[in-house]
Amino acid sequence: MGGERSGARAAGSYFERTGPDTYTPTSHTQGPWNPEHQHAGPTVALTTRAVEHCLATSGGDPLDVGRITCEILAPLTLAPMTVRARLERPGKRVRLVRAELDQRGRTVLTASAWAVAHAPGDLPVRSAPAAVPHRPPEGLPSVDPTRRPEWDCGFMASVEWRFADGGFGRPGPAAVWARPRIPLLAGEAVSPLQRLLLTADSANGVSAELPIDRWLSISPELTVHVARLPRGPWLCLDAETSAGPGETGLATGRLWDGEGLVARSAQCLLLAPQSR
C-alpha cells in the first residue's frame, strides 16, 4: 500500500534539538523544489512553537493566537537553525509576539503573531457553525505522493494525505485531510496550533494550477487567521490557487476539523518556469 511506503520513511522527527533554542533539520523537512531546501511547513510550525512558549511565559491570563504571519526571507536550507521569540506588545487582553529564525548568521524567517483573549462564554450572539463540506477522512484512501517523482521528498512522505476532492498531479482546487506522522521534536506532541500552520503551508501545493515539475509555485509568506484551535488529529485543507498571465499568484485555504471551520489562510505566489 502507498500509505505503508510513506509511513516506513517517516520514523523520527522533523528537527533535532541541539540547545535551548537551536535545532538541526532532519531529512523529513526536505521540500519538493530543491533537495537542499526545506519545505516551509515544519519550519513555520517550529517558529509557532517559539511563539506559543513566549505567550505561555509572558504572564497574565492565557490568550490564543488569532493571526500569525510568517515571512520567508531566504531559502530554508538543511543547515542548523536558531529560533527566538519576544513579546513586543504586552497586554492583558491583546499581545503581539515577534519571532526570528536564523541560519548561518542570517535571519531567514520572521513571524508576527497577535494573540487575543477568549470571547466571554455568555456572548449574546453566535455565528452559525459552518458544516464541514467534505467527507471525513475515515474511509478515504491514503495517498502516497512520493510515488510521483516531482513530489518525492521527505516532507511529503512525513504526512498522511487523504483527498476528499482533487489530488496530487490534478491541477486546480483540492480538499485533503492531512495529519503529520511524526513530531516536530522527539518526545514532544505537536500542538494544535503548530499542526495548523504545518498543514496550511501546503495550500499552494495541493491546489497548484500548473505541473510542479515544470513550474515553480513558491510563496515567500504565509498568513493564517485562526477562529479556534483545531480538535482531533486530522485537518482538512480546502485550497485553491488563482493564477493568470500577468498576475500575482494567490493561494487561499480554509481549514476544518471534524466539527467545523477553524482557520483561513492566504499566500502570495511566485509563478515561474522551472530553470533547466
Protein backbone atom coordinates (compact mmCIF):
# COMPACT_ATOMS: atom_id res chain seq x y z
CA MET A 1 0.00 0.00 0.00
CA GLY A 2 1.19 3.54 -0.75
CA GLY A 3 0.49 4.75 2.78
CA GLU A 4 2.65 1.98 4.21
CA ARG A 5 5.52 3.00 1.97
CA SER A 6 5.32 6.62 3.15
CA GLY A 7 4.94 5.59 6.76
CA ALA A 8 8.05 3.45 6.62
CA ARG A 9 10.03 6.54 5.63
CA ALA A 10 8.55 8.73 8.33
CA ALA A 11 10.04 7.47 11.60
CA GLY A 12 11.79 10.12 13.69
CA SER A 13 11.09 13.86 13.93
CA TYR A 14 11.34 17.00 11.80
CA PHE A 15 14.09 18.54 13.94
CA GLU A 16 16.74 17.52 16.43
CA ARG A 17 17.24 19.82 19.40
CA THR A 18 20.89 20.86 19.90
CA GLY A 19 20.43 23.58 22.55
CA PRO A 20 17.77 25.68 24.32
CA ASP A 21 16.83 27.45 21.07
CA THR A 22 18.93 25.68 18.42
CA TYR A 23 17.80 22.89 16.12
CA THR A 24 19.02 20.82 13.19
CA PRO A 25 16.52 19.92 10.43
CA THR A 26 16.23 16.25 9.51
CA SER A 27 15.58 14.84 6.06
CA HIS A 28 11.83 14.86 6.86
CA THR A 29 11.80 18.64 6.31
CA GLN A 30 13.03 18.32 2.71
CA GLY A 31 10.72 20.00 0.17
CA PRO A 32 9.93 19.22 -3.47
CA TRP A 33 11.58 22.23 -5.13
CA ASN A 34 15.21 21.59 -4.20
CA PRO A 35 16.71 18.61 -2.31
CA GLU A 36 18.87 21.04 -0.29
CA HIS A 37 15.89 23.15 0.86
CA GLN A 38 13.23 22.59 3.47
CA HIS A 39 9.51 22.63 2.96
CA ALA A 40 8.34 25.66 4.94
CA GLY A 41 5.59 23.77 6.79
CA PRO A 42 7.70 22.23 9.58
CA THR A 43 9.76 25.40 9.98
CA VAL A 44 6.77 27.71 10.40
CA ALA A 45 5.39 25.16 12.88
CA LEU A 46 8.67 25.28 14.85
CA THR A 47 8.54 29.09 14.82
CA THR A 48 4.94 28.87 16.03
CA ARG A 49 6.18 26.71 18.90
CA ALA A 50 8.51 29.55 19.96
CA VAL A 51 5.58 32.00 19.76
CA GLU A 52 3.46 29.75 21.98
CA HIS A 53 6.26 29.40 24.54
CA CYS A 54 6.70 33.19 24.63
CA LEU A 55 2.99 33.69 25.25
CA ALA A 56 2.89 30.98 27.90
CA THR A 57 5.70 32.64 29.86
CA SER A 58 4.54 36.25 29.43
CA GLY A 59 2.27 36.23 32.48
CA GLY A 60 -1.39 37.10 32.80
CA ASP A 61 -4.38 35.18 31.52
CA PRO A 62 -3.75 32.76 28.65
CA LEU A 63 -4.50 34.16 25.18
CA ASP A 64 -4.99 32.37 21.86
CA VAL A 65 -3.22 33.33 18.64
CA GLY A 66 -5.77 34.91 16.31
CA ARG A 67 -3.42 35.74 13.45
CA ILE A 68 0.10 34.69 12.56
CA THR A 69 2.14 35.81 9.55
CA CYS A 70 5.42 34.21 8.55
CA GLU A 71 7.80 35.93 6.12
CA ILE A 72 10.41 33.77 4.38
CA LEU A 73 13.39 36.00 3.64
CA ALA A 74 15.68 33.39 2.08
CA PRO A 75 15.58 29.69 1.14
CA LEU A 76 15.30 27.47 4.20
CA THR A 77 18.25 25.10 3.91
CA LEU A 78 19.04 21.96 5.91
CA ALA A 79 21.59 23.91 7.99
CA PRO A 80 21.26 24.29 11.80
CA MET A 81 18.80 26.94 12.99
CA THR A 82 18.28 29.28 15.93
CA VAL A 83 14.70 30.25 16.79
CA ARG A 84 13.80 33.01 19.25
CA ALA A 85 10.58 34.86 20.11
CA ARG A 86 9.92 38.01 22.13
CA LEU A 87 6.88 39.82 23.45
CA GLU A 88 6.69 43.12 21.58
CA ARG A 89 3.33 44.40 22.72
CA PRO A 90 2.33 43.20 26.21
CA GLY A 91 -1.24 43.48 27.36
CA LYS A 92 -3.95 41.84 29.43
CA ARG A 93 -6.28 41.07 26.51
CA VAL A 94 -4.13 41.61 23.38
CA ARG A 95 -0.44 40.78 22.87
CA LEU A 96 1.94 40.85 19.92
CA VAL A 97 4.80 38.36 19.64
CA ARG A 98 7.60 38.52 17.10
CA ALA A 99 9.90 35.63 16.27
CA GLU A 100 13.03 35.18 14.18
CA LEU A 101 14.72 32.11 12.73
CA ASP A 102 18.42 32.36 11.81
CA GLN A 103 20.67 30.12 9.74
CA ARG A 104 24.40 30.66 9.28
CA GLY A 105 24.25 34.07 10.95
CA ARG A 106 21.40 35.34 8.78
CA THR A 107 17.71 35.83 9.55
CA VAL A 108 15.80 33.68 7.05
CA LEU A 109 12.29 33.73 8.53
CA THR A 110 10.35 36.16 10.70
CA ALA A 111 6.92 35.82 12.24
CA SER A 112 4.44 38.11 13.94
CA ALA A 113 1.51 36.81 15.94
CA TRP A 114 -1.42 38.64 17.52
CA ALA A 115 -2.95 36.88 20.49
CA VAL A 116 -6.31 37.91 21.91
CA ALA A 117 -8.45 36.97 24.90
CA HIS A 118 -11.28 34.49 24.52
CA ALA A 119 -14.75 35.86 23.93
CA PRO A 120 -16.92 35.59 27.07
CA GLY A 121 -18.91 32.42 27.47
CA ASP A 122 -22.18 34.35 27.57
CA LEU A 123 -21.56 36.25 24.33
CA PRO A 124 -25.05 37.35 23.21
CA VAL A 125 -24.51 36.41 19.56
CA ARG A 126 -23.20 33.27 17.93
CA SER A 127 -22.38 32.68 14.29
CA ALA A 128 -23.97 29.58 12.85
CA PRO A 129 -21.29 26.87 12.84
CA ALA A 130 -20.18 26.03 9.32
CA ALA A 131 -20.72 22.38 8.50
CA VAL A 132 -17.68 20.52 7.19
CA PRO A 133 -18.28 20.40 3.40
CA HIS A 134 -16.23 17.28 2.73
CA ARG A 135 -16.33 13.62 3.56
CA PRO A 136 -14.48 12.68 6.77
CA PRO A 137 -11.04 11.05 6.48
CA GLU A 138 -12.26 7.69 7.69
CA GLY A 139 -12.98 5.59 4.64
CA LEU A 140 -10.96 7.79 2.26
CA PRO A 141 -7.86 6.15 0.79
CA SER A 142 -4.42 7.22 1.96
CA VAL A 143 -2.40 8.66 -0.95
CA ASP A 144 1.36 8.34 -1.31
CA PRO A 145 2.55 11.44 -3.23
CA THR A 146 6.14 10.20 -3.29
CA ARG A 147 5.25 7.69 -6.00
CA ARG A 148 5.36 10.69 -8.34
CA PRO A 149 9.00 11.86 -8.86
CA GLU A 150 8.11 15.55 -8.58
CA TRP A 151 6.61 15.01 -5.09
CA ASP A 152 9.22 12.55 -3.80
CA CYS A 153 10.73 14.32 -0.79
CA GLY A 154 10.99 13.92 2.96
CA PHE A 155 8.15 16.24 3.92
CA MET A 156 5.57 14.72 1.58
CA ALA A 157 6.38 11.28 2.97
CA SER A 158 6.06 12.53 6.56
CA VAL A 159 2.36 13.43 6.26
CA GLU A 160 -0.63 11.16 5.73
CA TRP A 161 -2.81 12.57 2.93
CA ARG A 162 -6.43 11.61 2.19
CA PHE A 163 -8.14 13.56 -0.59
CA ALA A 164 -11.84 14.35 -0.45
CA ASP A 165 -11.52 16.30 -3.71
CA GLY A 166 -8.72 16.76 -6.24
CA GLY A 167 -5.34 15.11 -5.86
CA PHE A 168 -1.62 15.40 -6.44
CA GLY A 169 -0.99 15.84 -10.14
CA ARG A 170 -4.56 17.08 -10.74
CA PRO A 171 -4.49 20.86 -11.31
CA GLY A 172 -7.00 23.06 -9.58
CA PRO A 173 -8.82 23.29 -6.25
CA ALA A 174 -8.43 20.43 -3.80
CA ALA A 175 -9.55 19.33 -0.37
CA VAL A 176 -7.28 17.00 1.55
CA TRP A 177 -7.34 15.65 5.07
CA ALA A 178 -3.82 15.62 6.48
CA ARG A 179 -2.03 14.65 9.66
CA PRO A 180 1.73 14.54 10.32
CA ARG A 181 3.14 11.09 11.05
CA ILE A 182 5.99 12.44 13.18
CA PRO A 183 6.52 15.19 15.80
CA LEU A 184 8.49 18.38 15.40
CA LEU A 185 10.80 17.19 18.18
CA ALA A 186 11.27 13.71 19.59
CA GLY A 187 9.22 13.08 22.73
CA GLU A 188 7.04 16.20 22.32
CA ALA A 189 3.50 16.29 20.98
CA VAL A 190 2.70 18.69 18.15
CA SER A 191 0.30 21.35 19.47
CA PRO A 192 -2.95 22.08 17.63
CA LEU A 193 -1.65 25.49 16.50
CA GLN A 194 1.65 24.05 15.28
CA ARG A 195 -0.23 21.40 13.31
CA LEU A 196 -2.48 24.07 11.83
CA LEU A 197 0.49 26.08 10.49
CA LEU A 198 2.28 22.99 9.23
CA THR A 199 -0.79 21.99 7.23
CA ALA A 200 -1.76 25.47 5.98
CA ASP A 201 1.56 25.95 4.21
CA SER A 202 0.64 23.20 1.72
CA ALA A 203 -2.29 25.15 0.21
CA ASN A 204 -0.31 26.25 -2.84
CA GLY A 205 0.99 22.73 -3.43
CA VAL A 206 -2.22 20.72 -3.22
CA SER A 207 -4.15 23.26 -5.35
CA ALA A 208 -1.41 24.03 -7.89
CA GLU A 209 -2.78 25.05 -11.28
CA LEU A 210 0.48 24.17 -13.08
CA PRO A 211 2.61 20.99 -13.04
CA ILE A 212 5.30 21.44 -10.39
CA ASP A 213 7.93 19.57 -12.42
CA ARG A 214 7.78 22.44 -14.96
CA TRP A 215 6.60 25.45 -12.96
CA LEU A 216 7.60 26.99 -9.64
CA SER A 217 4.75 27.89 -7.30
CA ILE A 218 6.60 29.32 -4.32
CA SER A 219 5.28 31.55 -1.56
CA PRO A 220 7.51 33.97 0.36
CA GLU A 221 4.90 34.29 3.11
CA LEU A 222 2.01 32.63 4.89
CA THR A 223 -0.80 34.29 6.87
CA VAL A 224 -3.29 32.30 8.92
CA HIS A 225 -6.30 33.74 10.75
CA VAL A 226 -7.49 31.40 13.48
CA ALA A 227 -11.11 31.20 14.63
CA ARG A 228 -10.37 28.48 17.18
CA LEU A 229 -7.82 25.78 17.79
CA PRO A 230 -8.48 22.51 15.96
CA ARG A 231 -9.58 19.41 17.79
CA GLY A 232 -8.70 15.86 16.81
CA PRO A 233 -5.73 14.55 14.79
CA TRP A 234 -6.99 15.40 11.28
CA LEU A 235 -7.19 18.74 9.46
CA CYS A 236 -8.93 19.26 6.14
CA LEU A 237 -7.17 21.79 3.91
CA ASP A 238 -9.66 23.12 1.34
CA ALA A 239 -7.47 25.15 -1.03
CA GLU A 240 -7.50 26.92 -4.36
CA THR A 241 -4.97 28.86 -6.41
CA SER A 242 -5.71 31.92 -8.52
CA ALA A 243 -3.25 32.39 -11.38
CA GLY A 244 -3.28 34.09 -14.76
CA PRO A 245 -0.99 35.80 -17.29
CA GLY A 246 0.49 38.96 -15.83
CA GLU A 247 -0.99 38.29 -12.39
CA THR A 248 0.47 37.65 -8.96
CA GLY A 249 -0.47 34.16 -7.86
CA LEU A 250 -2.68 33.74 -4.79
CA ALA A 251 -3.33 30.56 -2.85
CA THR A 252 -6.09 30.58 -0.26
CA GLY A 253 -7.30 27.90 2.09
CA ARG A 254 -9.97 27.06 4.59
CA LEU A 255 -9.01 24.63 7.32
CA TRP A 256 -11.51 22.36 9.02
CA ASP A 257 -11.51 19.78 11.75
CA GLY A 258 -14.30 17.24 12.19
CA GLU A 259 -16.50 19.81 13.92
CA GLY A 260 -16.25 22.83 11.61
CA LEU A 261 -14.14 25.69 10.30
CA VAL A 262 -11.04 26.56 12.35
CA ALA A 263 -8.94 28.92 10.19
CA ARG A 264 -8.36 30.65 6.86
CA SER A 265 -5.01 31.05 5.12
CA ALA A 266 -3.53 33.08 2.27
CA GLN A 267 -0.22 33.08 0.40
CA CYS A 268 1.04 35.23 -2.46
CA LEU A 269 2.89 33.15 -5.05
CA LEU A 270 5.87 33.41 -7.32
CA LEU A 271 4.85 31.58 -10.51
CA ALA A 272 7.73 31.00 -12.94
CA PRO A 273 9.07 28.31 -15.27
CA GLN A 274 11.48 25.83 -13.73
CA SER A 275 15.05 26.51 -14.80
CA ARG A 276 16.51 23.74 -16.91
